[in-house]
Protein backbone atom coordinates (compact mmCIF):
# COMPACT_ATOMS: atom_id res chain seq x y z
CA MET A 1 -48.54 5.90 -25.54
CA LEU A 2 -47.08 2.92 -23.49
CA GLU A 3 -44.34 5.24 -21.96
CA LYS A 4 -47.13 7.71 -20.74
CA LEU A 5 -49.25 4.95 -19.32
CA ASN A 6 -46.30 3.40 -17.38
CA ALA A 7 -45.60 6.74 -15.98
CA MET A 8 -49.19 7.04 -15.05
CA GLU A 9 -49.28 3.54 -13.41
CA LEU A 10 -46.32 4.59 -11.16
CA ARG A 11 -48.04 7.84 -10.32
CA TYR A 12 -50.95 5.85 -9.51
CA GLU A 13 -49.28 3.37 -7.16
CA SER A 14 -47.57 6.42 -5.69
CA LEU A 15 -50.88 7.96 -4.72
CA GLN A 16 -52.32 4.88 -3.31
CA ALA A 17 -49.22 4.58 -1.15
CA GLN A 18 -49.51 8.24 0.13
CA LEU A 19 -53.16 7.55 1.10
CA SER A 20 -52.51 4.53 2.80
CA ASP A 21 -50.35 6.90 5.15
CA ALA A 22 -52.59 7.85 8.18
CA ALA A 23 -50.60 11.27 8.58
CA ILE A 24 -52.36 12.34 5.17
CA TYR A 25 -55.54 12.57 6.92
CA THR A 26 -54.69 15.40 9.11
CA ASP A 27 -54.43 17.76 6.02
CA ALA A 28 -57.84 17.71 4.69
CA GLU A 29 -57.07 19.99 1.60
CA ARG A 30 -54.29 17.87 0.44
CA LEU A 31 -56.29 14.85 1.14
CA ARG A 32 -59.03 15.72 -1.26
CA SER A 33 -56.30 16.85 -3.99
CA LEU A 34 -54.83 13.28 -3.88
CA GLN A 35 -58.21 11.66 -3.80
CA ARG A 36 -59.32 13.63 -6.86
CA GLU A 37 -55.93 12.75 -8.93
CA LEU A 38 -56.67 9.06 -7.93
CA GLY A 39 -60.24 9.07 -9.02
CA GLU A 40 -59.09 10.51 -12.44
CA LEU A 41 -56.35 7.68 -12.88
CA SER A 42 -58.48 5.09 -11.59
CA PRO A 43 -60.13 4.31 -14.95
CA ILE A 44 -57.28 4.65 -17.08
CA ILE A 45 -54.96 2.23 -14.89
CA GLU A 46 -57.80 -0.39 -14.72
CA THR A 47 -58.20 -0.28 -18.31
CA TYR A 48 -54.20 -0.25 -18.87
CA ARG A 49 -53.78 -3.39 -16.80
CA ASN A 50 -56.93 -5.22 -18.29
CA TRP A 51 -55.02 -4.41 -21.81
CA LYS A 52 -51.79 -5.91 -20.34
CA GLN A 53 -53.88 -9.04 -19.15
CA ALA A 54 -54.97 -9.72 -22.42
CA GLY A 55 -51.59 -9.35 -24.04
CA ASP A 56 -50.26 -11.88 -21.81
CA ALA A 57 -53.13 -14.16 -22.32
CA ARG A 58 -52.66 -13.59 -26.11
CA LYS A 59 -48.86 -14.65 -25.78
CA GLU A 60 -49.97 -17.87 -23.78
CA ALA A 61 -52.22 -18.80 -26.26
CA GLU A 62 -49.83 -18.15 -29.04
CA ARG A 63 -47.44 -20.33 -27.25
CA MET A 64 -49.94 -23.16 -27.33
CA LEU A 65 -50.72 -23.22 -30.70
CA SER A 66 -47.82 -25.31 -31.55
CA ASP A 67 -49.34 -28.38 -29.49
CA PRO A 68 -51.45 -30.39 -31.76
CA GLU A 69 -53.95 -31.30 -29.11
CA LEU A 70 -54.53 -27.90 -27.98
CA LYS A 71 -53.90 -26.10 -31.35
CA ASP A 72 -57.93 -25.46 -32.33
CA LEU A 73 -58.81 -24.25 -28.58
CA ALA A 74 -55.45 -21.88 -28.45
CA ARG A 75 -56.57 -20.58 -31.67
CA GLU A 76 -60.11 -19.59 -30.65
CA GLU A 77 -58.74 -18.34 -27.15
CA TRP A 78 -55.79 -16.34 -29.24
CA GLU A 79 -58.39 -14.64 -31.45
CA ALA A 80 -60.58 -13.77 -28.29
CA GLU A 81 -57.95 -12.26 -26.45
CA THR A 82 -56.73 -10.26 -29.80
CA ALA A 83 -60.01 -8.66 -30.14
CA ARG A 84 -60.28 -7.91 -26.34
CA GLN A 85 -56.83 -6.25 -26.51
CA GLU A 86 -57.96 -4.09 -29.58
CA GLN A 87 -61.05 -2.87 -28.02
CA LEU A 88 -59.32 -2.21 -24.75
CA ARG A 89 -56.59 -0.08 -26.72
CA ASP A 90 -59.27 1.99 -28.38
CA GLU A 91 -60.95 2.49 -25.07
CA LEU A 92 -57.50 3.86 -23.86
CA ARG A 93 -57.14 6.08 -26.57
CA VAL A 94 -60.54 7.75 -25.61
CA LEU A 95 -59.51 8.05 -22.04
CA LEU A 96 -56.26 9.64 -22.93
CA LEU A 97 -57.75 12.36 -24.80
CA PRO A 98 -57.29 15.73 -23.61
CA LYS A 99 -60.01 16.51 -20.78
CA ASN A 100 -62.10 19.85 -21.29
CA PRO A 101 -61.38 21.66 -17.90
CA ASP A 102 -65.03 23.15 -18.00
CA ASP A 103 -66.45 19.83 -18.32
CA ASP A 104 -67.09 19.08 -14.68
CA LYS A 105 -68.47 22.73 -14.16
CA ASN A 106 -72.07 24.03 -13.71
CA VAL A 107 -73.60 25.69 -16.73
CA ILE A 108 -75.74 28.74 -17.46
CA LEU A 109 -78.10 27.89 -20.25
CA GLU A 110 -79.94 30.72 -22.02
CA ILE A 111 -82.70 30.34 -24.43
CA ARG A 112 -84.23 33.27 -26.74
CA SER A 113 -87.11 32.95 -29.04
CA GLY A 114 -86.24 33.53 -32.59
CA VAL A 115 -88.33 33.52 -35.83
CA GLY A 116 -92.05 32.70 -35.60
CA GLY A 117 -93.07 35.51 -33.32
CA GLU A 118 -95.48 33.97 -30.45
CA GLU A 119 -95.18 30.38 -31.63
CA GLY A 120 -91.15 30.99 -31.58
CA ALA A 121 -91.54 31.96 -27.61
CA LEU A 122 -93.96 29.04 -27.30
CA PHE A 123 -91.25 26.96 -28.57
CA ALA A 124 -88.73 28.33 -26.28
CA ARG A 125 -90.91 27.32 -23.46
CA SER A 126 -91.03 24.02 -24.82
CA LEU A 127 -87.19 23.60 -24.63
CA LEU A 128 -87.23 25.30 -21.22
CA ARG A 129 -89.35 22.55 -20.20
CA MET A 130 -87.30 19.74 -21.71
CA TYR A 131 -84.16 20.97 -20.31
CA MET A 132 -85.60 21.18 -16.84
CA MET A 133 -86.95 17.76 -17.28
CA TYR A 134 -83.72 16.31 -18.52
CA ALA A 135 -81.79 18.10 -15.33
CA GLN A 136 -84.34 16.39 -12.79
CA LYS A 137 -83.82 12.98 -14.53
CA ARG A 138 -80.01 13.32 -14.09
CA GLY A 139 -80.46 14.56 -10.29
CA TRP A 140 -79.16 18.16 -11.28
CA LYS A 141 -80.70 21.25 -9.67
CA THR A 142 -81.68 24.24 -11.63
CA GLU A 143 -82.16 27.93 -10.79
CA PHE A 144 -83.79 30.63 -12.64
CA LEU A 145 -81.32 33.68 -13.27
CA ASN A 146 -83.67 35.50 -15.49
CA LEU A 147 -87.17 34.75 -17.17
CA ASN A 148 -88.92 37.07 -19.28
CA GLU A 149 -92.19 35.79 -20.54
CA THR A 150 -95.02 36.73 -23.28
CA GLU A 151 -98.59 37.07 -22.37
CA LEU A 152 -99.38 33.64 -23.66
CA GLY A 153 -96.83 31.85 -21.37
CA GLY A 154 -94.08 31.89 -24.10
CA VAL A 155 -90.59 32.53 -23.33
CA ARG A 156 -88.85 35.71 -24.90
CA GLU A 157 -85.68 35.00 -22.92
CA CYS A 158 -84.39 33.14 -20.02
CA ALA A 159 -81.38 31.93 -18.15
CA LEU A 160 -81.06 28.65 -16.12
CA LEU A 161 -78.21 27.83 -13.78
CA VAL A 162 -77.96 24.01 -13.78
CA LYS A 163 -76.09 22.76 -11.08
CA GLY A 164 -74.79 18.82 -10.72
CA GLU A 165 -71.89 16.44 -11.96
CA SER A 166 -70.59 16.64 -15.56
CA VAL A 167 -73.33 19.13 -16.31
CA TYR A 168 -71.18 20.94 -19.13
CA ALA A 169 -69.49 17.87 -20.44
CA ARG A 170 -73.41 16.66 -21.35
CA LEU A 171 -75.16 20.05 -22.33
CA LYS A 172 -72.30 22.09 -24.22
CA PHE A 173 -73.41 20.79 -27.65
CA GLU A 174 -76.67 22.09 -27.30
CA SER A 175 -75.70 25.72 -28.20
CA GLY A 176 -77.07 26.81 -31.48
CA VAL A 177 -80.43 27.32 -33.36
CA HIS A 178 -83.14 24.84 -32.61
CA ARG A 179 -86.07 25.06 -34.96
CA VAL A 180 -89.46 23.58 -34.61
CA GLN A 181 -92.05 22.41 -37.21
CA ARG A 182 -95.85 22.04 -35.91
CA VAL A 183 -99.13 23.39 -36.07
CA PRO A 184 -99.38 26.42 -33.62
CA GLU A 185 -102.44 26.38 -30.97
CA THR A 186 -103.53 29.59 -32.57
CA GLU A 187 -103.34 28.32 -36.16
CA SER A 188 -106.90 27.94 -37.10
CA ALA A 189 -106.30 26.47 -40.57
CA GLY A 190 -104.27 23.62 -39.23
CA ARG A 191 -100.98 24.55 -41.24
CA VAL A 192 -97.66 23.50 -40.26
CA HIS A 193 -95.39 26.51 -39.31
CA THR A 194 -91.59 26.89 -38.81
CA SER A 195 -90.37 28.69 -35.99
CA ALA A 196 -86.85 28.69 -33.96
CA ALA A 197 -85.27 29.42 -30.78
CA THR A 198 -81.52 29.92 -29.66
CA VAL A 199 -79.74 27.94 -27.10
CA ALA A 200 -76.33 29.23 -25.55
CA VAL A 201 -74.87 26.97 -23.08
CA PHE A 202 -71.84 28.64 -21.06
CA PRO A 203 -69.52 26.93 -18.22
CA GLU A 204 -70.34 28.92 -15.01
CA ALA A 205 -67.37 31.38 -14.17
CA GLU A 206 -65.97 32.13 -10.86
CA GLU A 207 -65.10 35.43 -9.99
CA VAL A 208 -61.32 34.06 -9.64
CA ASP A 209 -61.87 32.79 -13.18
CA LEU A 210 -62.42 36.30 -14.89
CA ARG A 211 -61.79 39.72 -12.98
CA ILE A 212 -64.10 42.69 -14.34
CA ASP A 213 -63.14 46.21 -13.58
CA PRO A 214 -66.10 47.95 -12.00
CA LYS A 215 -65.32 51.01 -14.26
CA ASP A 216 -66.14 48.92 -17.52
CA LEU A 217 -69.85 48.58 -16.17
CA LYS A 218 -72.88 50.58 -16.44
CA ILE A 219 -75.64 49.53 -14.30
CA ASP A 220 -79.18 50.36 -14.67
CA THR A 221 -82.31 49.76 -12.30
CA TYR A 222 -85.67 49.48 -13.46
CA ARG A 223 -89.24 48.27 -12.06
CA SER A 224 -90.02 44.46 -13.00
CA SER A 225 -92.50 43.59 -15.35
CA GLY A 226 -93.80 40.32 -16.27
CA ALA A 227 -96.67 38.18 -17.69
CA GLY A 228 -98.31 35.14 -16.81
CA GLY A 229 -97.95 35.20 -12.75
CA GLN A 230 -94.46 36.46 -12.70
CA HIS A 231 -94.40 39.18 -10.04
CA VAL A 232 -94.62 42.85 -10.50
CA ASN A 233 -92.37 44.93 -8.55
CA LYS A 234 -93.35 48.39 -7.46
CA THR A 235 -89.72 49.21 -6.44
CA GLU A 236 -86.78 49.31 -8.99
CA SER A 237 -85.28 45.89 -8.35
CA ALA A 238 -84.61 44.65 -11.81
CA ILE A 239 -81.17 45.22 -12.95
CA ARG A 240 -79.64 46.18 -16.30
CA ILE A 241 -75.73 45.58 -16.75
CA THR A 242 -73.78 46.92 -19.74
CA HIS A 243 -70.31 45.75 -20.09
CA LEU A 244 -68.88 48.79 -22.20
CA PRO A 245 -65.79 47.40 -23.89
CA THR A 246 -67.84 44.74 -25.27
CA GLY A 247 -71.48 46.13 -25.28
CA LEU A 248 -72.68 42.92 -23.68
CA VAL A 249 -75.91 43.53 -22.10
CA VAL A 250 -77.47 41.43 -19.19
CA GLU A 251 -80.79 41.89 -17.42
CA CYS A 252 -82.15 40.06 -14.30
CA GLN A 253 -85.75 40.87 -12.91
CA ASP A 254 -86.26 37.24 -11.61
CA GLU A 255 -85.53 38.25 -7.45
CA ARG A 256 -87.67 40.97 -5.80
CA SER A 257 -84.20 42.08 -4.27
CA GLN A 258 -82.06 44.52 -6.18
CA PHE A 259 -78.72 42.82 -4.60
CA LYS A 260 -79.87 39.18 -5.71
CA ASN A 261 -80.64 40.47 -9.40
CA ARG A 262 -77.33 42.18 -9.57
CA ASP A 263 -75.54 39.23 -8.23
CA LYS A 264 -77.24 36.87 -10.94
CA ALA A 265 -76.65 39.43 -13.54
CA MET A 266 -73.04 39.37 -12.94
CA LYS A 267 -72.90 35.60 -12.89
CA VAL A 268 -74.18 35.64 -16.54
CA LEU A 269 -72.13 38.42 -17.62
CA ARG A 270 -68.83 36.74 -16.29
CA SER A 271 -69.91 33.49 -17.69
CA ARG A 272 -70.46 35.29 -21.00
CA LEU A 273 -67.20 36.99 -20.88
CA LEU A 274 -65.34 34.00 -20.04
CA ASP A 275 -67.24 32.12 -22.90
CA MET A 276 -66.09 34.55 -25.61
CA GLU A 277 -62.58 34.71 -24.40
CA ARG A 278 -62.40 30.82 -24.77
CA GLU A 279 -64.22 30.96 -28.14
CA LYS A 280 -61.52 33.22 -29.26
CA ARG A 281 -58.92 31.29 -28.02
CA ALA A 282 -60.43 28.18 -29.77
CA ALA A 283 -60.86 29.76 -33.02
CA GLU A 284 -57.32 31.09 -33.03
CA THR A 285 -55.85 27.60 -32.44
CA ALA A 286 -57.95 25.90 -34.61
CA ALA A 287 -59.18 28.10 -37.38
CA GLU A 288 -58.82 25.55 -40.24
CA ARG A 289 -60.52 22.62 -38.14
CA LYS A 290 -64.42 22.25 -38.15
CA SER A 291 -65.62 19.88 -35.51
CA MET A 292 -68.11 16.87 -36.53
CA VAL A 293 -70.43 18.24 -33.92
CA GLY A 294 -70.09 22.01 -35.37
CA SER A 295 -68.71 25.06 -33.83
CA GLY A 296 -71.04 25.72 -31.15
CA ASP A 297 -71.89 29.02 -33.15
CA ARG A 298 -75.13 30.60 -31.97
CA SER A 299 -76.08 31.02 -35.41
CA GLN A 300 -75.71 27.20 -36.50
CA ARG A 301 -79.10 25.54 -36.89
CA VAL A 302 -78.32 22.48 -34.95
CA ARG A 303 -81.85 20.31 -34.58
CA THR A 304 -85.17 20.12 -36.05
CA TYR A 305 -88.26 18.90 -34.14
CA ASN A 306 -90.87 17.78 -36.61
CA PHE A 307 -94.10 17.29 -34.68
CA PRO A 308 -96.58 16.27 -37.60
CA GLN A 309 -93.65 13.50 -38.47
CA GLY A 310 -92.82 12.81 -34.81
CA ARG A 311 -89.19 12.94 -35.33
CA VAL A 312 -86.21 15.00 -34.02
CA THR A 313 -83.16 15.35 -36.45
CA ASP A 314 -79.66 16.62 -35.22
CA HIS A 315 -78.21 18.03 -38.38
CA ARG A 316 -74.49 18.04 -37.17
CA ILE A 317 -74.28 14.26 -37.04
CA GLY A 318 -77.12 13.29 -39.53
CA LEU A 319 -78.96 11.53 -36.55
CA THR A 320 -83.12 11.09 -36.69
CA LEU A 321 -85.00 9.99 -33.90
CA TYR A 322 -88.75 9.36 -34.05
CA GLN A 323 -89.79 9.83 -30.28
CA ILE A 324 -90.26 13.35 -30.26
CA ASP A 325 -92.69 12.94 -27.37
CA ALA A 326 -90.13 11.38 -25.05
CA ILE A 327 -87.45 13.88 -26.11
CA MET A 328 -89.80 16.75 -25.22
CA ASP A 329 -90.17 15.07 -21.76
CA GLY A 330 -86.17 15.14 -21.28
CA ALA A 331 -85.11 11.96 -22.69
CA LEU A 332 -81.99 13.56 -24.50
CA ASP A 333 -79.68 11.03 -23.34
CA GLU A 334 -79.62 9.25 -26.93
CA LEU A 335 -78.86 12.40 -28.61
CA ILE A 336 -76.31 13.76 -26.22
CA ASP A 337 -74.37 10.37 -26.15
CA ALA A 338 -74.20 10.34 -30.10
CA LEU A 339 -72.98 13.77 -29.76
CA ILE A 340 -70.40 12.83 -27.52
CA THR A 341 -69.25 9.86 -29.14
CA ALA A 342 -69.06 11.89 -32.65
CA ASP A 343 -66.67 14.32 -30.99
CA ARG A 344 -64.47 11.99 -29.49
CA ALA A 345 -64.19 10.09 -32.60
CA GLU A 346 -63.39 13.44 -34.35
CA GLN A 347 -60.76 14.09 -31.78
CA LEU A 348 -59.29 10.70 -32.30
CA THR A 349 -58.91 11.18 -36.05
CA ARG A 350 -57.47 14.74 -35.36
CA PHE A 351 -54.84 13.31 -32.84
CA ALA A 352 -53.94 10.41 -34.90
CA GLY A 353 -52.77 12.76 -37.71
CA SER A 354 -50.93 14.88 -35.20
CA PRO A 355 -46.90 14.91 -35.47
């Protein structure tokens, strides 16, 4: 690790030297590249230098232990710097973990109602509201790619594009089955029902990430239809795209323009196909490993929202929070931070056991 850190520090100093040369500012693309690399290295080098400083201070305190008058003070200093160096070492191990190249990407977030009929669709609507409020708290932008509603205002299925900083890094663990336990508005006897909705999170794929042969596509047009204020077109502007090799079907009817609907449907299809390829590669390279925060399998139950008890439980890490109202209003950071921490711990364990 030290050899790697020393090499990174040399690279960091080289980048600083290059950026101090006025000539570099005539090449905007190279300037952005160097600044981006410097930004990625900065937290690692800062922590590494603090670690070395703590080591130097520890050695100095160790040297003073032989002085009878300074022995007690030196021991306190030695213990403090030893603890600080160990903490910084742990931080370095996390910073040096391989970064997911998709973490900085925007995402396509899909929600589909599951078991529970209309109550499942109303819960899907609650999840959609929760994620949109979370995006707003984070300063992210959202855009509907597709929205299929029920007569009572529930959501059969929807696709939402979320744009911003580190969106995939924070939302990637939301994929899976979300279960709700509550008394439906339509329930006159006051009985608690269990319903579910499925969430899928894909990093947004650009055209350069995945080429799709037009011959592999079947494109159908139809008239949009919707409930609860959603526009209904008199022209066939809605789009259904079928990817023949995989059987994937994507629909979009959110826009009045057939061209815009086709563009949005292709964006979803491209991201789904790239996600399928990514999961296939991950399964091949890690067939025997089961991540602490789960596989991301859409069939996996990841979280339960129990309204009568006011609790939300994430089953992958055994975390229960009794703050359901705040969570449904978009206060997801505590849950997401815990999932990220668990994933890092699992990665550290795995790499510690690697040859």
